[in-house]
Amino acid sequence: MTITLDLPPQVETLLRQRAEATGQDLHHIAIAVLTLGLSLEDDDFFAELEGIQQGLNDFEQGHFSSFEDFIAEQNQRHGLTLEAWPIALISPALPKPMPMPRS
């Protein structure tokens, strides 16, 4: 099925950045994001949407942090000991999706 969406420029930018960073096709990233969002319960879904909108607003205003800062915050918030690895070291290990037939 083909669906055409008009995305806000910042959402398109984030999708393209994620696709580039992971080496995956933009189509696969969009499907993954939609699938994840649709798998949430209604309350969780709307809470996530609010968080995403706040993140987009912050990004638009130039308020964002580095990946390293994000990892440090998550470690503190959840008692974790994650390390921030450069994406170049991780992305080659990510599985590549199977090509999907074009309609």
C-alpha atoms as a PDB file:
ATOM      1  CA  MET A   1       0.000   0.000   0.000  1.00  0.00           C
ATOM      2  CA  THR A   2       1.242   3.455  -0.825  1.00  0.00           C
ATOM      3  CA  ILE A   3       0.466   6.419   1.419  1.00  0.00           C
ATOM      4  CA  THR A   4       1.694   9.946   0.743  1.00  0.00           C
ATOM      5  CA  LEU A   5       2.435  12.113   3.783  1.00  0.00           C
ATOM      6  CA  ASP A   6       3.454  15.762   3.962  1.00  0.00           C
ATOM      7  CA  LEU A   7       6.018  15.813   6.764  1.00  0.00           C
ATOM      8  CA  PRO A   8       7.171  18.923   8.569  1.00  0.00           C
ATOM      9  CA  PRO A   9      10.737  19.733   7.445  1.00  0.00           C
ATOM     10  CA  GLN A  10      12.214  18.900  10.862  1.00  0.00           C
ATOM     11  CA  VAL A  11      10.597  15.438  10.849  1.00  0.00           C
ATOM     12  CA  GLU A  12      11.910  14.744   7.358  1.00  0.00           C
ATOM     13  CA  THR A  13      15.370  15.872   8.486  1.00  0.00           C
ATOM     14  CA  LEU A  14      15.268  13.547  11.504  1.00  0.00           C
ATOM     15  CA  LEU A  15      14.159  10.597   9.353  1.00  0.00           C
ATOM     16  CA  ARG A  16      16.912  11.250   6.825  1.00  0.00           C
ATOM     17  CA  GLN A  17      19.528  11.631   9.576  1.00  0.00           C
ATOM     18  CA  ARG A  18      18.455   8.344  11.188  1.00  0.00           C
ATOM     19  CA  ALA A  19      18.522   6.550   7.832  1.00  0.00           C
ATOM     20  CA  GLU A  20      21.981   7.917   7.051  1.00  0.00           C
ATOM     21  CA  ALA A  21      23.363   7.170  10.523  1.00  0.00           C
ATOM     22  CA  THR A  22      22.149   3.570  10.426  1.00  0.00           C
ATOM     23  CA  GLY A  23      22.804   2.947   6.741  1.00  0.00           C
ATOM     24  CA  GLN A  24      19.186   1.947   6.222  1.00  0.00           C
ATOM     25  CA  ASP A  25      16.759   2.998   3.547  1.00  0.00           C
ATOM     26  CA  LEU A  26      14.479   5.926   4.431  1.00  0.00           C
ATOM     27  CA  HIS A  27      11.495   3.706   3.631  1.00  0.00           C
ATOM     28  CA  HIS A  28      12.556   1.153   6.276  1.00  0.00           C
ATOM     29  CA  ILE A  29      13.138   3.821   8.926  1.00  0.00           C
ATOM     30  CA  ALA A  30       9.682   5.325   8.327  1.00  0.00           C
ATOM     31  CA  ILE A  31       8.048   1.884   8.606  1.00  0.00           C
ATOM     32  CA  ALA A  32       9.962   1.157  11.827  1.00  0.00           C
ATOM     33  CA  VAL A  33       8.890   4.475  13.381  1.00  0.00           C
ATOM     34  CA  LEU A  34       5.252   3.963  12.406  1.00  0.00           C
ATOM     35  CA  THR A  35       5.276   0.375  13.659  1.00  0.00           C
ATOM     36  CA  LEU A  36       6.786   1.394  16.982  1.00  0.00           C
ATOM     37  CA  GLY A  37       4.293   4.217  17.443  1.00  0.00           C
ATOM     38  CA  LEU A  38       1.319   2.064  16.549  1.00  0.00           C
ATOM     39  CA  SER A  39       2.414  -0.695  18.928  1.00  0.00           C
ATOM     40  CA  LEU A  40       2.070   1.589  21.977  1.00  0.00           C
ATOM     41  CA  GLU A  41      -1.029   1.751  24.159  1.00  0.00           C
ATOM     42  CA  ASP A  42      -3.087   4.925  23.653  1.00  0.00           C
ATOM     43  CA  ASP A  43      -1.859   6.670  26.828  1.00  0.00           C
ATOM     44  CA  ASP A  44       1.764   5.816  26.043  1.00  0.00           C
ATOM     45  CA  PHE A  45       1.314   6.866  22.427  1.00  0.00           C
ATOM     46  CA  PHE A  46       0.050  10.337  23.296  1.00  0.00           C
ATOM     47  CA  ALA A  47       2.726  10.776  25.978  1.00  0.00           C
ATOM     48  CA  GLU A  48       5.358   9.857  23.375  1.00  0.00           C
ATOM     49  CA  LEU A  49       3.843  12.297  20.881  1.00  0.00           C
ATOM     50  CA  GLU A  50       4.053  15.100  23.434  1.00  0.00           C
ATOM     51  CA  GLY A  51       7.678  14.218  24.109  1.00  0.00           C
ATOM     52  CA  ILE A  52       8.496  14.138  20.413  1.00  0.00           C
ATOM     53  CA  GLN A  53       6.816  17.499  19.836  1.00  0.00           C
ATOM     54  CA  GLN A  54       8.739  19.002  22.749  1.00  0.00           C
ATOM     55  CA  GLY A  55      11.953  17.581  21.300  1.00  0.00           C
ATOM     56  CA  LEU A  56      11.184  19.064  17.888  1.00  0.00           C
ATOM     57  CA  ASN A  57      10.418  22.431  19.471  1.00  0.00           C
ATOM     58  CA  ASP A  58      13.676  22.307  21.439  1.00  0.00           C
ATOM     59  CA  PHE A  59      15.614  21.320  18.311  1.00  0.00           C
ATOM     60  CA  GLU A  60      14.067  24.187  16.328  1.00  0.00           C
ATOM     61  CA  GLN A  61      15.157  26.605  19.065  1.00  0.00           C
ATOM     62  CA  GLY A  62      18.685  25.199  19.069  1.00  0.00           C
ATOM     63  CA  HIS A  63      18.267  23.438  22.428  1.00  0.00           C
ATOM     64  CA  PHE A  64      19.730  19.971  22.136  1.00  0.00           C
ATOM     65  CA  SER A  65      22.464  17.924  23.749  1.00  0.00           C
ATOM     66  CA  SER A  66      25.146  15.602  22.486  1.00  0.00           C
ATOM     67  CA  PHE A  67      24.690  11.852  22.370  1.00  0.00           C
ATOM     68  CA  GLU A  68      27.214  11.571  25.189  1.00  0.00           C
ATOM     69  CA  ASP A  69      25.107  13.902  27.369  1.00  0.00           C
ATOM     70  CA  PHE A  70      22.008  11.867  26.551  1.00  0.00           C
ATOM     71  CA  ILE A  71      23.733   8.618  27.598  1.00  0.00           C
ATOM     72  CA  ALA A  72      24.937  10.231  30.837  1.00  0.00           C
ATOM     73  CA  GLU A  73      21.392  11.443  31.587  1.00  0.00           C
ATOM     74  CA  GLN A  74      19.917   7.991  30.931  1.00  0.00           C
ATOM     75  CA  ASN A  75      22.561   6.379  33.111  1.00  0.00           C
ATOM     76  CA  GLN A  76      21.729   8.724  35.967  1.00  0.00           C
ATOM     77  CA  ARG A  77      17.959   8.525  35.507  1.00  0.00           C
ATOM     78  CA  HIS A  78      17.797   4.725  35.251  1.00  0.00           C
ATOM     79  CA  GLY A  79      20.888   3.587  37.181  1.00  0.00           C
ATOM     80  CA  LEU A  80      22.589   2.299  34.021  1.00  0.00           C
ATOM     81  CA  THR A  81      26.228   2.095  32.991  1.00  0.00           C
ATOM     82  CA  LEU A  82      25.903   2.601  29.240  1.00  0.00           C
ATOM     83  CA  GLU A  83      28.777   3.973  27.198  1.00  0.00           C
ATOM     84  CA  ALA A  84      28.424   6.341  24.265  1.00  0.00           C
ATOM     85  CA  TRP A  85      30.061   4.691  21.282  1.00  0.00           C
ATOM     86  CA  PRO A  86      30.634   6.624  18.071  1.00  0.00           C
ATOM     87  CA  ILE A  87      27.976   5.634  15.536  1.00  0.00           C
ATOM     88  CA  ALA A  88      30.722   4.801  13.031  1.00  0.00           C
ATOM     89  CA  LEU A  89      31.779   1.938  15.297  1.00  0.00           C
ATOM     90  CA  ILE A  90      28.253   0.596  15.727  1.00  0.00           C
ATOM     91  CA  SER A  91      26.496   1.115  12.406  1.00  0.00           C
ATOM     92  CA  PRO A  92      28.475  -1.436  10.343  1.00  0.00           C
ATOM     93  CA  ALA A  93      27.288  -4.108  12.783  1.00  0.00           C
ATOM     94  CA  LEU A  94      23.628  -3.218  12.325  1.00  0.00           C
ATOM     95  CA  PRO A  95      21.759  -5.720  10.194  1.00  0.00           C
ATOM     96  CA  LYS A  96      20.781  -4.470   6.786  1.00  0.00           C
ATOM     97  CA  PRO A  97      17.110  -4.927   5.914  1.00  0.00           C
ATOM     98  CA  MET A  98      16.112  -7.205   3.089  1.00  0.00           C
ATOM     99  CA  PRO A  99      15.206  -5.258  -0.054  1.00  0.00           C
ATOM    100  CA  MET A 100      11.465  -4.838  -0.327  1.00  0.00           C
ATOM    101  CA  PRO A 101       9.784  -5.350  -3.692  1.00  0.00           C
ATOM    102  CA  ARG A 102       8.687  -2.116  -5.321  1.00  0.00           C
ATOM    103  CA  SER A 103       5.071  -1.875  -6.420  1.00  0.00           C
END
